[in-house]
C-alpha cells in the first residue's frame, strides 16, 4: 500500500534537508514542499501560531518506520508532526513510478 506522509518543518532549510535525505536514502519517491503553511495549535498550554513548510512525502507503507525514524532523528522539533495517510487509488503509471524509485518490483 502506498502512503502520503505529512510533516511540518520550521523553515525551508530544514524542509530541504529532510526531503533530500528521504530521497537519497530511497525512503520516498517524491517530496513536495509547500511553503507558507500557517499552523495554529496548542503547545504547553499556550496557543501558538507559526509559519511552517509542509512536506508531502510519497512512499510505500513498508518504508514508514524508516521514514519516521529518519524524521525523528533529524527534525528540530521536540514533537514533529508525522502523519501517514493511505493512498487507496492513484494513476497506475504514477504508482509504478513510486515503486521504481524505491526499488520495489
Protein backbone atom coordinates (compact mmCIF):
# COMPACT_ATOMS: atom_id res chain seq x y z
CA UNK A 1 0.00 0.00 0.00
CA UNK A 2 1.18 3.49 -0.84
CA UNK A 3 1.22 6.31 1.68
CA UNK A 4 1.24 10.08 1.76
CA UNK A 5 3.14 11.19 4.86
CA UNK A 6 2.76 14.73 6.13
CA UNK A 7 5.42 16.52 8.16
CA UNK A 8 5.65 20.21 9.03
CA UNK A 9 9.02 21.99 9.22
CA UNK A 10 10.00 25.35 10.70
CA UNK A 11 11.70 26.68 7.55
CA UNK A 12 12.88 25.93 4.01
CA UNK A 13 16.36 24.86 5.11
CA UNK A 14 15.03 22.10 7.36
CA UNK A 15 12.42 21.08 4.75
CA UNK A 16 15.08 20.80 2.02
CA UNK A 17 17.40 18.79 4.28
CA UNK A 18 14.69 16.32 5.31
CA UNK A 19 13.35 15.93 1.77
CA UNK A 20 16.81 15.39 0.31
CA UNK A 21 17.67 12.79 2.94
CA UNK A 22 14.46 10.82 2.31
CA UNK A 23 15.10 10.80 -1.45
CA UNK A 24 18.81 9.90 -1.29
CA UNK A 25 18.09 7.08 1.17
CA UNK A 26 15.37 5.78 -1.18
CA UNK A 27 12.73 6.08 1.52
CA UNK A 28 10.49 8.32 -0.62
CA UNK A 29 9.88 8.65 -4.34
CA UNK A 30 8.93 12.32 -4.16
CA UNK A 31 8.64 15.01 -1.52
CA UNK A 32 6.65 18.17 -2.25
CA UNK A 33 7.49 21.16 -0.09
CA UNK A 34 4.60 23.56 0.42
CA UNK A 35 5.78 26.91 1.81
CA UNK A 36 3.68 29.41 3.69
CA UNK A 37 1.63 26.99 5.77
CA UNK A 38 0.13 28.75 8.78
CA UNK A 39 -0.32 26.41 11.74
CA UNK A 40 -2.44 27.15 14.81
CA UNK A 41 -2.02 24.70 17.68
CA UNK A 42 -1.72 24.35 21.44
CA UNK A 43 1.74 23.71 22.84
CA UNK A 44 2.49 23.52 26.56
CA UNK A 45 -0.79 25.22 27.45
CA UNK A 46 -0.39 28.14 25.04
CA UNK A 47 -2.00 28.77 21.65
CA UNK A 48 0.78 29.10 19.06
CA UNK A 49 0.65 30.43 15.51
CA UNK A 50 3.59 29.51 13.27
CA UNK A 51 4.64 29.85 9.64
CA UNK A 52 5.82 26.44 8.51
CA UNK A 53 6.69 24.39 5.45
CA UNK A 54 4.68 21.21 4.82
CA UNK A 55 6.30 18.10 3.41
CA UNK A 56 4.10 15.79 1.33
CA UNK A 57 6.08 12.55 1.22
CA UNK A 58 5.06 9.86 -1.28
CA UNK A 59 6.21 6.38 -0.39
CA UNK A 60 5.19 2.81 0.39
CA UNK A 61 3.94 1.58 3.76
CA UNK A 62 6.91 -0.74 4.18
CA UNK A 63 9.16 2.35 4.33
CA UNK A 64 7.10 4.12 7.03
CA UNK A 65 9.12 3.01 10.07
CA UNK A 66 12.38 4.12 8.46
CA UNK A 67 10.84 7.42 7.37
CA UNK A 68 9.52 8.11 10.86
CA UNK A 69 12.89 7.25 12.44
CA UNK A 70 14.74 9.48 9.96
CA UNK A 71 12.40 12.40 10.51
CA UNK A 72 12.55 11.98 14.29
CA UNK A 73 16.35 11.92 14.30
CA UNK A 74 16.87 14.96 12.04
CA UNK A 75 13.89 17.17 12.89
CA UNK A 76 14.48 20.15 15.19
CA UNK A 77 11.01 19.97 16.80
CA UNK A 78 10.65 18.13 20.10
CA UNK A 79 7.44 16.56 18.76
CA UNK A 80 7.36 16.71 14.95
CA UNK A 81 4.12 16.14 13.09
CA UNK A 82 4.44 12.82 11.26
CA UNK A 83 1.13 11.54 9.92
CA UNK A 84 0.62 8.83 7.30
CA UNK A 85 -2.48 8.63 5.12
CA UNK A 86 -3.15 5.60 2.92
CA UNK A 87 -3.29 6.21 -0.82
CA UNK A 88 -6.18 3.99 -1.87
CA UNK A 89 -6.21 4.91 -5.56
CA UNK A 90 -3.89 6.62 -7.99
CA UNK A 91 -2.66 6.68 -11.55
CA UNK A 92 -1.25 3.20 -12.20
CA UNK A 93 1.73 4.69 -14.03
CA UNK A 94 2.49 7.06 -11.15
CA UNK A 95 2.24 4.24 -8.61
CA UNK A 96 4.60 2.13 -10.74
CA UNK A 97 6.99 5.09 -10.78
CA UNK A 98 6.92 5.22 -6.96
CA UNK A 99 7.85 1.52 -6.93
CA UNK A 100 10.70 2.05 -9.39
CA UNK A 101 12.12 4.92 -7.29
CA UNK A 102 12.01 2.76 -4.17
CA UNK A 103 13.44 -0.32 -5.86
CA UNK A 104 10.21 -2.29 -5.48
CA UNK A 105 9.27 -4.73 -8.27
